[in-house]
Structures are given as structure tokens and as C-alpha cells.
Amino acid sequence: MLALLGQALDDAAALGQTRAAAAAEYDRAESTFLQINAEYARAELAFFREQAGLLARGGLQAGAACPPVCGSTEHPPRKAVVDPQAPTQAELGDLKKRTEQARAAMEKRDVWPRKKHRTGAKPAPAGAGCRPAFL
């Protein structure tokens, strides 16, 4: 009996170490995801802020209709200028892909998956099974 108890304690200690290592791996993956996701959010904002400049660069010509936006033949004398630091649509797409890959890597390492319970059962809705304290 004592041998079984000793073995159970050893197994529990090993599981604790395994879980700690898995949690550390998840923390690294989460940190990577958060960093890439923040970079993507900044790039996406810069990309959207530069749309006027991108449209202006796309072929505004005096007397010709503005095809991408309004159709007007009169354009402002000073065209919007694109910030050279703004990402292109392709760069933004690549960054989005990296963000999705980092999210998948993080979720793969999640010690306690949040999508569904380990038994496959759906989690109970918030407050299910609770009774008011005054009853």
C-alpha cells in the first residue's frame, strides 16, 4: 500500500513538472503571438490611414474621372502622399498570416483548452446550477 502511495506521489510530481514545462511553453507562444498581433494591428492602422495616398498614386489625372472613389474630374491641387513606412497590402497580408500562425501555435500549446471541456461536454452557461443565496 505504501509503495502504491509512493508511486502515486512520484507520478503526481512528474505530472506537475510536465504541466509546468507545458505552461512555460504556452507562455512563450502567447508572448510571441501578442507581439506579432500588436505589430499587425499597428501595420493595419497605418495601411488604412494611407488609403487616400494610395488612391491618389493610383492614377489621378487632371480632367479625368476619379475611378477609384468619387468619379469627379476635378482633383485637389495637392495629392495625398503615401508614408513610405506604411505597409503594402501584400506586406499586411504576410503579417496577418504570421499572426494567424502564431495564434495557432499558442492555441496548440494551451494546457487547458478553452474551446471545449476535455470530456467533450459543452461548458455550462454562466450561472447554471447556482441558486440565489436568499432562498
N, C-alpha and C. Protein backbone atom coordinates (compact mmCIF):
# COMPACT_ATOMS: atom_id res chain seq x y z
N MET A 1 0.82 -1.19 0.00
CA MET A 1 0.00 0.00 0.00
C MET A 1 0.87 1.26 0.00
N LEU A 2 1.90 1.23 0.83
CA LEU A 2 2.80 2.39 0.87
C LEU A 2 3.54 2.55 -0.45
N ALA A 3 3.85 1.44 -1.08
CA ALA A 3 4.54 1.50 -2.38
C ALA A 3 3.65 2.17 -3.42
N LEU A 4 2.37 1.82 -3.40
CA LEU A 4 1.42 2.43 -4.33
C LEU A 4 1.28 3.92 -4.07
N LEU A 5 1.22 4.29 -2.82
CA LEU A 5 1.12 5.70 -2.45
C LEU A 5 2.38 6.45 -2.88
N GLY A 6 3.54 5.85 -2.67
CA GLY A 6 4.80 6.47 -3.10
C GLY A 6 4.84 6.64 -4.61
N GLN A 7 4.38 5.63 -5.34
CA GLN A 7 4.35 5.71 -6.80
C GLN A 7 3.38 6.81 -7.25
N ALA A 8 2.25 6.91 -6.59
CA ALA A 8 1.27 7.95 -6.93
C ALA A 8 1.84 9.34 -6.69
N LEU A 9 2.59 9.49 -5.62
CA LEU A 9 3.22 10.78 -5.33
C LEU A 9 4.28 11.12 -6.38
N ASP A 10 5.06 10.12 -6.77
CA ASP A 10 6.07 10.33 -7.82
C ASP A 10 5.40 10.72 -9.14
N ASP A 11 4.32 10.00 -9.46
CA ASP A 11 3.58 10.31 -10.70
C ASP A 11 3.01 11.73 -10.66
N ALA A 12 2.48 12.12 -9.51
CA ALA A 12 1.92 13.47 -9.37
C ALA A 12 3.02 14.52 -9.52
N ALA A 13 4.18 14.27 -8.96
CA ALA A 13 5.30 15.21 -9.09
C ALA A 13 5.74 15.32 -10.55
N ALA A 14 5.79 14.18 -11.24
CA ALA A 14 6.19 14.19 -12.66
C ALA A 14 5.16 14.96 -13.49
N LEU A 15 3.88 14.72 -13.18
CA LEU A 15 2.83 15.46 -13.90
C LEU A 15 2.93 16.95 -13.63
N GLY A 16 3.23 17.33 -12.43
CA GLY A 16 3.40 18.74 -12.09
C GLY A 16 4.54 19.37 -12.88
N GLN A 17 5.64 18.63 -13.02
CA GLN A 17 6.77 19.14 -13.81
C GLN A 17 6.40 19.25 -15.29
N THR A 18 5.69 18.24 -15.79
CA THR A 18 5.25 18.27 -17.19
C THR A 18 4.32 19.45 -17.44
N ARG A 19 3.40 19.66 -16.52
CA ARG A 19 2.46 20.77 -16.67
C ARG A 19 3.20 22.11 -16.60
N ALA A 20 4.17 22.23 -15.71
CA ALA A 20 4.94 23.47 -15.59
C ALA A 20 5.71 23.75 -16.88
N ALA A 21 6.29 22.71 -17.46
CA ALA A 21 7.03 22.89 -18.72
C ALA A 21 6.07 23.29 -19.84
N ALA A 22 4.89 22.64 -19.88
CA ALA A 22 3.90 22.98 -20.90
C ALA A 22 3.40 24.41 -20.71
N ALA A 23 3.21 24.83 -19.47
CA ALA A 23 2.74 26.19 -19.21
C ALA A 23 3.79 27.21 -19.63
N ALA A 24 5.07 26.89 -19.40
CA ALA A 24 6.15 27.80 -19.83
C ALA A 24 6.19 27.90 -21.35
N GLU A 25 5.98 26.77 -22.02
CA GLU A 25 5.96 26.76 -23.49
C GLU A 25 4.79 27.60 -24.00
N TYR A 26 3.64 27.47 -23.36
CA TYR A 26 2.47 28.27 -23.73
C TYR A 26 2.76 29.75 -23.52
N ASP A 27 3.37 30.10 -22.39
CA ASP A 27 3.68 31.50 -22.10
C ASP A 27 4.57 32.10 -23.19
N ARG A 28 5.55 31.33 -23.66
CA ARG A 28 6.43 31.82 -24.75
C ARG A 28 5.62 32.02 -26.03
N ALA A 29 4.76 31.04 -26.35
CA ALA A 29 3.94 31.15 -27.56
C ALA A 29 2.97 32.31 -27.46
N GLU A 30 2.40 32.53 -26.27
CA GLU A 30 1.48 33.65 -26.07
C GLU A 30 2.21 34.98 -26.24
N SER A 31 3.40 35.07 -25.69
CA SER A 31 4.20 36.29 -25.81
C SER A 31 4.51 36.59 -27.27
N THR A 32 4.88 35.56 -28.01
CA THR A 32 5.16 35.73 -29.45
C THR A 32 3.91 36.20 -30.17
N PHE A 33 2.78 35.55 -29.88
CA PHE A 33 1.52 35.95 -30.53
C PHE A 33 1.17 37.40 -30.21
N LEU A 34 1.26 37.78 -28.95
CA LEU A 34 0.90 39.15 -28.56
C LEU A 34 1.79 40.18 -29.26
N GLN A 35 3.06 39.86 -29.39
CA GLN A 35 3.99 40.77 -30.07
C GLN A 35 3.65 40.90 -31.56
N ILE A 36 3.44 39.77 -32.23
CA ILE A 36 3.12 39.81 -33.66
C ILE A 36 1.76 40.43 -33.89
N ASN A 37 0.79 40.14 -33.02
CA ASN A 37 -0.55 40.69 -33.17
C ASN A 37 -0.53 42.21 -33.01
N ALA A 38 0.26 42.72 -32.07
CA ALA A 38 0.37 44.17 -31.88
C ALA A 38 1.02 44.81 -33.11
N GLU A 39 2.03 44.14 -33.66
CA GLU A 39 2.68 44.64 -34.88
C GLU A 39 1.68 44.68 -36.04
N TYR A 40 0.86 43.64 -36.14
CA TYR A 40 -0.15 43.59 -37.20
C TYR A 40 -1.18 44.72 -37.01
N ALA A 41 -1.62 44.94 -35.79
CA ALA A 41 -2.61 46.00 -35.53
C ALA A 41 -2.05 47.36 -35.92
N ARG A 42 -0.78 47.62 -35.58
CA ARG A 42 -0.16 48.91 -35.96
C ARG A 42 -0.04 49.03 -37.49
N ALA A 43 0.36 47.95 -38.14
CA ALA A 43 0.51 47.97 -39.60
C ALA A 43 -0.83 48.15 -40.30
N GLU A 44 -1.86 47.48 -39.79
CA GLU A 44 -3.19 47.61 -40.38
C GLU A 44 -3.70 49.04 -40.26
N LEU A 45 -3.50 49.66 -39.10
CA LEU A 45 -3.90 51.04 -38.91
C LEU A 45 -3.15 51.97 -39.87
N ALA A 46 -1.84 51.77 -40.00
CA ALA A 46 -1.04 52.59 -40.92
C ALA A 46 -1.51 52.39 -42.35
N PHE A 47 -1.83 51.16 -42.72
CA PHE A 47 -2.30 50.86 -44.07
C PHE A 47 -3.60 51.60 -44.36
N PHE A 48 -4.54 51.53 -43.44
CA PHE A 48 -5.83 52.20 -43.65
C PHE A 48 -5.70 53.72 -43.65
N ARG A 49 -4.79 54.24 -42.87
CA ARG A 49 -4.58 55.70 -42.85
C ARG A 49 -4.01 56.20 -44.18
N GLU A 50 -3.36 55.33 -44.90
CA GLU A 50 -2.70 55.73 -46.14
C GLU A 50 -3.55 55.50 -47.39
N GLN A 51 -4.79 55.15 -47.22
CA GLN A 51 -5.62 54.83 -48.39
C GLN A 51 -5.78 56.01 -49.35
N ALA A 52 -5.92 57.22 -48.84
CA ALA A 52 -6.05 58.39 -49.73
C ALA A 52 -4.81 58.54 -50.59
N GLY A 53 -3.63 58.38 -49.98
CA GLY A 53 -2.39 58.48 -50.74
C GLY A 53 -2.25 57.37 -51.76
N LEU A 54 -2.66 56.17 -51.39
CA LEU A 54 -2.59 55.05 -52.33
C LEU A 54 -3.54 55.27 -53.51
N LEU A 55 -4.73 55.79 -53.22
CA LEU A 55 -5.68 56.07 -54.31
C LEU A 55 -5.16 57.19 -55.21
N ALA A 56 -4.56 58.21 -54.61
CA ALA A 56 -4.02 59.32 -55.40
C ALA A 56 -2.89 58.83 -56.29
N ARG A 57 -2.07 57.96 -55.76
CA ARG A 57 -0.95 57.42 -56.53
C ARG A 57 -1.45 56.52 -57.65
N GLY A 58 -2.66 56.00 -57.50
CA GLY A 58 -3.20 55.05 -58.45
C GLY A 58 -3.69 55.66 -59.75
N GLY A 59 -3.42 56.91 -60.02
CA GLY A 59 -3.75 57.42 -61.34
C GLY A 59 -4.68 58.61 -61.41
N LEU A 60 -4.65 59.53 -60.46
CA LEU A 60 -5.44 60.75 -60.60
C LEU A 60 -4.80 61.61 -61.67
N GLN A 61 -5.59 61.99 -62.66
CA GLN A 61 -5.09 62.84 -63.74
C GLN A 61 -6.05 64.00 -63.94
N ALA A 62 -5.51 65.18 -64.19
CA ALA A 62 -6.32 66.37 -64.40
C ALA A 62 -7.31 66.13 -65.54
N GLY A 63 -8.57 66.44 -65.27
CA GLY A 63 -9.61 66.32 -66.28
C GLY A 63 -10.18 64.92 -66.43
N ALA A 64 -9.54 63.93 -65.85
CA ALA A 64 -10.02 62.55 -65.94
C ALA A 64 -10.81 62.21 -64.69
N ALA A 65 -11.80 61.35 -64.85
CA ALA A 65 -12.63 60.95 -63.71
C ALA A 65 -11.80 60.19 -62.68
N CYS A 66 -12.19 60.36 -61.45
CA CYS A 66 -11.55 59.67 -60.33
C CYS A 66 -12.20 58.29 -60.20
N PRO A 67 -11.64 57.29 -60.85
CA PRO A 67 -12.32 55.99 -60.88
C PRO A 67 -12.39 55.27 -59.53
N PRO A 68 -11.35 55.38 -58.70
CA PRO A 68 -11.44 54.54 -57.51
C PRO A 68 -12.40 55.04 -56.43
N VAL A 69 -12.73 56.36 -56.44
CA VAL A 69 -13.50 56.86 -55.31
C VAL A 69 -14.80 57.54 -55.73
N CYS A 70 -14.70 58.73 -56.32
CA CYS A 70 -15.91 59.55 -56.46
C CYS A 70 -16.33 59.83 -57.90
N GLY A 71 -15.45 59.65 -58.85
CA GLY A 71 -15.80 59.92 -60.25
C GLY A 71 -15.64 61.36 -60.67
N SER A 72 -15.24 62.25 -59.78
CA SER A 72 -15.08 63.66 -60.10
C SER A 72 -13.93 63.85 -61.10
N THR A 73 -14.06 64.88 -61.93
CA THR A 73 -12.98 65.22 -62.87
C THR A 73 -12.10 66.32 -62.32
N GLU A 74 -12.48 66.89 -61.17
CA GLU A 74 -11.67 67.92 -60.53
C GLU A 74 -11.03 67.32 -59.28
N HIS A 75 -9.73 67.50 -59.18
CA HIS A 75 -8.98 66.91 -58.07
C HIS A 75 -8.27 68.01 -57.30
N PRO A 76 -7.99 67.78 -56.02
CA PRO A 76 -7.25 68.78 -55.24
C PRO A 76 -5.89 69.04 -55.90
N PRO A 77 -5.40 70.29 -55.79
CA PRO A 77 -4.11 70.60 -56.43
C PRO A 77 -2.95 69.81 -55.80
N ARG A 78 -3.06 69.47 -54.52
CA ARG A 78 -2.00 68.69 -53.86
C ARG A 78 -2.52 67.29 -53.57
N LYS A 79 -1.93 66.32 -54.21
CA LYS A 79 -2.35 64.94 -53.96
C LYS A 79 -1.86 64.48 -52.59
N ALA A 80 -2.61 63.56 -52.03
CA ALA A 80 -2.16 62.94 -50.78
C ALA A 80 -0.89 62.15 -51.06
N VAL A 81 -0.02 62.11 -50.08
CA VAL A 81 1.26 61.41 -50.24
C VAL A 81 1.27 60.19 -49.32
N VAL A 82 1.80 59.11 -49.82
CA VAL A 82 1.88 57.88 -49.04
C VAL A 82 3.10 57.92 -48.13
N ASP A 83 2.90 57.57 -46.88
CA ASP A 83 4.00 57.47 -45.93
C ASP A 83 4.87 56.28 -46.36
N PRO A 84 6.15 56.49 -46.57
CA PRO A 84 7.00 55.38 -47.03
C PRO A 84 7.09 54.24 -46.00
N GLN A 85 6.74 54.51 -44.76
CA GLN A 85 6.77 53.48 -43.73
C GLN A 85 5.49 52.63 -43.72
N ALA A 86 4.46 53.08 -44.42
CA ALA A 86 3.19 52.34 -44.44
C ALA A 86 3.38 51.04 -45.21
N PRO A 87 2.78 49.96 -44.70
CA PRO A 87 2.94 48.67 -45.38
C PRO A 87 2.09 48.59 -46.64
N THR A 88 2.53 47.77 -47.56
CA THR A 88 1.72 47.50 -48.75
C THR A 88 0.66 46.47 -48.37
N GLN A 89 -0.27 46.26 -49.26
CA GLN A 89 -1.31 45.27 -48.99
C GLN A 89 -0.69 43.88 -48.87
N ALA A 90 0.31 43.58 -49.68
CA ALA A 90 0.98 42.28 -49.61
C ALA A 90 1.70 42.11 -48.27
N GLU A 91 2.38 43.15 -47.82
CA GLU A 91 3.08 43.09 -46.53
C GLU A 91 2.07 42.88 -45.39
N LEU A 92 0.95 43.57 -45.48
CA LEU A 92 -0.09 43.43 -44.46
C LEU A 92 -0.64 42.00 -44.47
N GLY A 93 -0.82 41.44 -45.65
CA GLY A 93 -1.29 40.06 -45.77
C GLY A 93 -0.31 39.07 -45.16
N ASP A 94 0.98 39.28 -45.41
CA ASP A 94 2.01 38.42 -44.83
C ASP A 94 2.00 38.50 -43.31
N LEU A 95 1.86 39.70 -42.79
CA LEU A 95 1.84 39.90 -41.34
C LEU A 95 0.60 39.26 -40.73
N LYS A 96 -0.52 39.34 -41.43
CA LYS A 96 -1.75 38.70 -40.94
C LYS A 96 -1.55 37.19 -40.88
N LYS A 97 -0.90 36.64 -41.89
CA LYS A 97 -0.63 35.20 -41.93
C LYS A 97 0.27 34.79 -40.75
N ARG A 98 1.30 35.60 -40.47
CA ARG A 98 2.18 35.32 -39.34
C ARG A 98 1.41 35.38 -38.01
N THR A 99 0.47 36.33 -37.93
CA THR A 99 -0.35 36.46 -36.72
C THR A 99 -1.21 35.21 -36.53
N GLU A 100 -1.81 34.75 -37.61
CA GLU A 100 -2.66 33.55 -37.53
C GLU A 100 -1.83 32.32 -37.16
N GLN A 101 -0.62 32.22 -37.71
CA GLN A 101 0.25 31.09 -37.37
C GLN A 101 0.66 31.14 -35.90
N ALA A 102 0.96 32.34 -35.41
CA ALA A 102 1.35 32.49 -34.01
C ALA A 102 0.17 32.15 -33.09
N ARG A 103 -1.05 32.55 -33.49
CA ARG A 103 -2.24 32.23 -32.69
C ARG A 103 -2.43 30.71 -32.65
N ALA A 104 -2.29 30.05 -33.80
CA ALA A 104 -2.45 28.60 -33.86
C ALA A 104 -1.41 27.90 -32.99
N ALA A 105 -0.17 28.38 -33.03
CA ALA A 105 0.90 27.79 -32.21
C ALA A 105 0.59 27.97 -30.73
N MET A 106 0.07 29.13 -30.37
CA MET A 106 -0.29 29.40 -28.97
C MET A 106 -1.43 28.47 -28.54
N GLU A 107 -2.46 28.35 -29.36
CA GLU A 107 -3.61 27.52 -29.01
C GLU A 107 -3.22 26.05 -28.93
N LYS A 108 -2.28 25.62 -29.76
CA LYS A 108 -1.81 24.24 -29.75
C LYS A 108 -1.13 23.91 -28.42
N ARG A 109 -0.50 24.90 -27.82
CA ARG A 109 0.24 24.69 -26.58
C ARG A 109 -0.60 24.99 -25.34
N ASP A 110 -1.86 25.31 -25.53
CA ASP A 110 -2.72 25.65 -24.40
C ASP A 110 -2.92 24.42 -23.52
N VAL A 111 -2.52 24.52 -22.27
CA VAL A 111 -2.62 23.41 -21.33
C VAL A 111 -4.07 23.10 -21.00
N TRP A 112 -4.88 24.13 -20.91
CA TRP A 112 -6.30 23.97 -20.60
C TRP A 112 -7.10 24.58 -21.73
N PRO A 113 -7.36 23.81 -22.81
CA PRO A 113 -8.09 24.37 -23.95
C PRO A 113 -9.40 25.00 -23.53
N ARG A 114 -9.67 26.17 -24.07
CA ARG A 114 -10.86 26.93 -23.69
C ARG A 114 -12.05 26.66 -24.61
N LYS A 115 -11.80 26.00 -25.75
CA LYS A 115 -12.87 25.81 -26.71
C LYS A 115 -13.93 24.82 -26.22
N LYS A 116 -13.49 23.71 -25.65
CA LYS A 116 -14.45 22.76 -25.09
C LYS A 116 -13.79 22.01 -23.95
N HIS A 117 -14.60 21.48 -23.12
CA HIS A 117 -14.13 20.76 -21.95
C HIS A 117 -13.43 19.48 -22.41
N ARG A 118 -12.46 18.99 -21.65
CA ARG A 118 -11.72 17.78 -22.03
C ARG A 118 -12.63 16.58 -22.25
N THR A 119 -13.75 16.51 -21.58
CA THR A 119 -14.65 15.37 -21.74
C THR A 119 -15.43 15.46 -23.04
N GLY A 120 -15.36 16.60 -23.70
CA GLY A 120 -16.13 16.80 -24.92
C GLY A 120 -17.47 17.46 -24.63
N ALA A 121 -17.83 17.54 -23.36
CA ALA A 121 -19.10 18.16 -23.00
C ALA A 121 -18.99 19.68 -23.13
N LYS A 122 -20.09 20.29 -23.46
CA LYS A 122 -20.10 21.74 -23.54
C LYS A 122 -20.07 22.32 -22.14
N PRO A 123 -19.33 23.43 -21.93
CA PRO A 123 -19.33 24.05 -20.61
C PRO A 123 -20.72 24.57 -20.27
N ALA A 124 -21.06 24.51 -19.01
CA ALA A 124 -22.37 25.01 -18.56
C ALA A 124 -22.41 26.52 -18.73
N PRO A 125 -23.58 27.08 -19.07
CA PRO A 125 -23.68 28.53 -19.19
C PRO A 125 -23.41 29.20 -17.85
N ALA A 126 -22.99 30.43 -17.90
CA ALA A 126 -22.70 31.18 -16.67
C ALA A 126 -23.93 31.19 -15.77
N GLY A 127 -23.70 30.88 -14.51
CA GLY A 127 -24.79 30.89 -13.54
C GLY A 127 -25.60 29.61 -13.49
N ALA A 128 -25.32 28.66 -14.37
CA ALA A 128 -26.07 27.40 -14.36
C ALA A 128 -25.79 26.66 -13.06
N GLY A 129 -26.81 26.15 -12.46
CA GLY A 129 -26.66 25.37 -11.25
C GLY A 129 -26.51 26.22 -10.00
N CYS A 130 -26.56 27.53 -10.15
CA CYS A 130 -26.43 28.41 -8.98
C CYS A 130 -27.83 28.73 -8.45
N ARG A 131 -27.91 28.81 -7.14
CA ARG A 131 -29.17 29.22 -6.53
C ARG A 131 -28.95 30.55 -5.84
N PRO A 132 -29.94 31.41 -5.85
CA PRO A 132 -29.81 32.67 -5.12
C PRO A 132 -29.58 32.37 -3.63
N ALA A 133 -28.77 33.19 -3.00
CA ALA A 133 -28.41 33.00 -1.58
C ALA A 133 -29.59 33.20 -0.65
N PHE A 134 -30.61 33.93 -1.06
CA PHE A 134 -31.70 34.25 -0.15
C PHE A 134 -32.78 33.17 -0.13
N LEU A 135 -32.66 32.11 -0.90
CA LEU A 135 -33.69 31.03 -0.88
C LEU A 135 -33.39 30.01 0.15
